[in-house]
Amino acid sequence: MLSRLANIPHDKLLHSFYGTLIYLVLTLLVPSFVALLIVIAIAISKEIYDSFHSKLHTAETLDAVYTIFIPFIIHVRDTLWIG
């Protein structure tokens, strides 16, 4: 499993890190579901911006997926948590 993690591109790990960081900060201010929706909106907006305004970077769907993945998992875990 660790060898698979080592093969994830650095760019995708940064997307995961910042998506999770934004989500966790937002959960201090708004409900978890709203924070997740904001992260999704930011991820999609960034990829749309990249596809229209950046000549060096083309939008990649996987960037948005990596940005949203960990916040989604945290939200599902918190929603289903029975403690």
C-alpha atoms as a PDB file:
ATOM      1  CA  MET A   1       0.000   0.000   0.000  1.00  0.00           C
ATOM      2  CA  LEU A   2       2.806   2.434   0.794  1.00  0.00           C
ATOM      3  CA  SER A   3       4.320   1.841  -2.621  1.00  0.00           C
ATOM      4  CA  ARG A   4       1.011   2.929  -4.183  1.00  0.00           C
ATOM      5  CA  LEU A   5       1.028   6.120  -2.120  1.00  0.00           C
ATOM      6  CA  ALA A   6       4.550   6.860  -3.297  1.00  0.00           C
ATOM      7  CA  ASN A   7       3.323   6.758  -6.898  1.00  0.00           C
ATOM      8  CA  ILE A   8       0.711   9.504  -6.439  1.00  0.00           C
ATOM      9  CA  PRO A   9       1.911  12.653  -8.233  1.00  0.00           C
ATOM     10  CA  HIS A  10       2.985  15.536  -5.995  1.00  0.00           C
ATOM     11  CA  ASP A  11       0.383  17.843  -7.557  1.00  0.00           C
ATOM     12  CA  LYS A  12      -2.450  15.482  -6.612  1.00  0.00           C
ATOM     13  CA  LEU A  13      -1.221  15.244  -3.014  1.00  0.00           C
ATOM     14  CA  LEU A  14      -1.240  19.036  -2.788  1.00  0.00           C
ATOM     15  CA  HIS A  15      -4.827  19.098  -4.018  1.00  0.00           C
ATOM     16  CA  SER A  16      -5.783  16.576  -1.326  1.00  0.00           C
ATOM     17  CA  PHE A  17      -3.949  18.526   1.361  1.00  0.00           C
ATOM     18  CA  TYR A  18      -5.470  21.900   0.522  1.00  0.00           C
ATOM     19  CA  GLY A  19      -8.955  20.507  -0.020  1.00  0.00           C
ATOM     20  CA  THR A  20      -8.807  18.866   3.396  1.00  0.00           C
ATOM     21  CA  LEU A  21      -7.360  21.971   5.042  1.00  0.00           C
ATOM     22  CA  ILE A  22     -10.087  24.210   3.592  1.00  0.00           C
ATOM     23  CA  TYR A  23     -12.760  21.699   4.625  1.00  0.00           C
ATOM     24  CA  LEU A  24     -11.519  21.441   8.208  1.00  0.00           C
ATOM     25  CA  VAL A  25     -11.314  25.214   8.630  1.00  0.00           C
ATOM     26  CA  LEU A  26     -14.789  25.640   7.173  1.00  0.00           C
ATOM     27  CA  THR A  27     -16.253  23.037   9.540  1.00  0.00           C
ATOM     28  CA  LEU A  28     -15.354  25.393  12.379  1.00  0.00           C
ATOM     29  CA  LEU A  29     -17.609  28.036  10.811  1.00  0.00           C
ATOM     30  CA  VAL A  30     -20.415  26.182   9.018  1.00  0.00           C
ATOM     31  CA  PRO A  31     -22.025  22.712   9.140  1.00  0.00           C
ATOM     32  CA  SER A  32     -20.058  19.844   7.636  1.00  0.00           C
ATOM     33  CA  PHE A  33     -22.325  19.442   4.607  1.00  0.00           C
ATOM     34  CA  VAL A  34     -22.047  23.130   3.736  1.00  0.00           C
ATOM     35  CA  ALA A  35     -18.258  22.950   4.092  1.00  0.00           C
ATOM     36  CA  LEU A  36     -18.195  19.976   1.721  1.00  0.00           C
ATOM     37  CA  LEU A  37     -20.327  21.837  -0.828  1.00  0.00           C
ATOM     38  CA  ILE A  38     -17.979  24.834  -0.638  1.00  0.00           C
ATOM     39  CA  VAL A  39     -14.927  22.610  -1.212  1.00  0.00           C
ATOM     40  CA  ILE A  40     -16.650  20.991  -4.195  1.00  0.00           C
ATOM     41  CA  ALA A  41     -17.515  24.418  -5.605  1.00  0.00           C
ATOM     42  CA  ILE A  42     -13.939  25.654  -5.137  1.00  0.00           C
ATOM     43  CA  ALA A  43     -12.443  22.541  -6.763  1.00  0.00           C
ATOM     44  CA  ILE A  44     -14.718  22.709  -9.795  1.00  0.00           C
ATOM     45  CA  SER A  45     -14.318  26.481 -10.116  1.00  0.00           C
ATOM     46  CA  LYS A  46     -10.535  26.189 -10.062  1.00  0.00           C
ATOM     47  CA  GLU A  47     -10.541  23.597 -12.823  1.00  0.00           C
ATOM     48  CA  ILE A  48     -12.913  25.696 -14.943  1.00  0.00           C
ATOM     49  CA  TYR A  49     -10.673  28.719 -14.382  1.00  0.00           C
ATOM     50  CA  ASP A  50      -7.591  26.704 -15.350  1.00  0.00           C
ATOM     51  CA  SER A  51      -9.196  25.451 -18.545  1.00  0.00           C
ATOM     52  CA  PHE A  52     -10.166  28.945 -19.729  1.00  0.00           C
ATOM     53  CA  HIS A  53      -7.427  31.242 -18.421  1.00  0.00           C
ATOM     54  CA  SER A  54      -4.198  29.335 -18.126  1.00  0.00           C
ATOM     55  CA  LYS A  55      -2.140  28.642 -21.200  1.00  0.00           C
ATOM     56  CA  LEU A  56       0.368  26.473 -19.343  1.00  0.00           C
ATOM     57  CA  HIS A  57      -2.002  24.309 -17.348  1.00  0.00           C
ATOM     58  CA  THR A  58      -4.888  22.325 -18.704  1.00  0.00           C
ATOM     59  CA  ALA A  59      -7.710  21.385 -16.391  1.00  0.00           C
ATOM     60  CA  GLU A  60      -7.606  17.857 -15.096  1.00  0.00           C
ATOM     61  CA  THR A  61     -10.682  16.162 -13.714  1.00  0.00           C
ATOM     62  CA  LEU A  62      -8.502  14.184 -11.331  1.00  0.00           C
ATOM     63  CA  ASP A  63      -7.342  17.399  -9.658  1.00  0.00           C
ATOM     64  CA  ALA A  64     -10.915  18.104  -8.569  1.00  0.00           C
ATOM     65  CA  VAL A  65     -11.418  14.484  -7.519  1.00  0.00           C
ATOM     66  CA  TYR A  66      -8.302  14.536  -5.352  1.00  0.00           C
ATOM     67  CA  THR A  67      -9.366  17.859  -3.830  1.00  0.00           C
ATOM     68  CA  ILE A  68     -12.794  16.520  -2.851  1.00  0.00           C
ATOM     69  CA  PHE A  69     -11.954  12.916  -1.926  1.00  0.00           C
ATOM     70  CA  ILE A  70     -10.665  13.234   1.663  1.00  0.00           C
ATOM     71  CA  PRO A  71     -13.234  15.869   2.730  1.00  0.00           C
ATOM     72  CA  PHE A  72     -15.948  13.577   1.337  1.00  0.00           C
ATOM     73  CA  ILE A  73     -14.614  10.602   3.316  1.00  0.00           C
ATOM     74  CA  ILE A  74     -14.422  12.698   6.509  1.00  0.00           C
ATOM     75  CA  HIS A  75     -17.970  13.976   5.981  1.00  0.00           C
ATOM     76  CA  VAL A  76     -19.353  10.462   5.417  1.00  0.00           C
ATOM     77  CA  ARG A  77     -17.509   9.163   8.471  1.00  0.00           C
ATOM     78  CA  ASP A  78     -18.834  11.982  10.659  1.00  0.00           C
ATOM     79  CA  THR A  79     -22.352  11.589   9.284  1.00  0.00           C
ATOM     80  CA  LEU A  80     -22.451   7.815   9.867  1.00  0.00           C
ATOM     81  CA  TRP A  81     -20.530   7.910  13.166  1.00  0.00           C
ATOM     82  CA  ILE A  82     -22.465   6.155  15.865  1.00  0.00           C
ATOM     83  CA  GLY A  83     -20.729   6.712  19.121  1.00  0.00           C
END
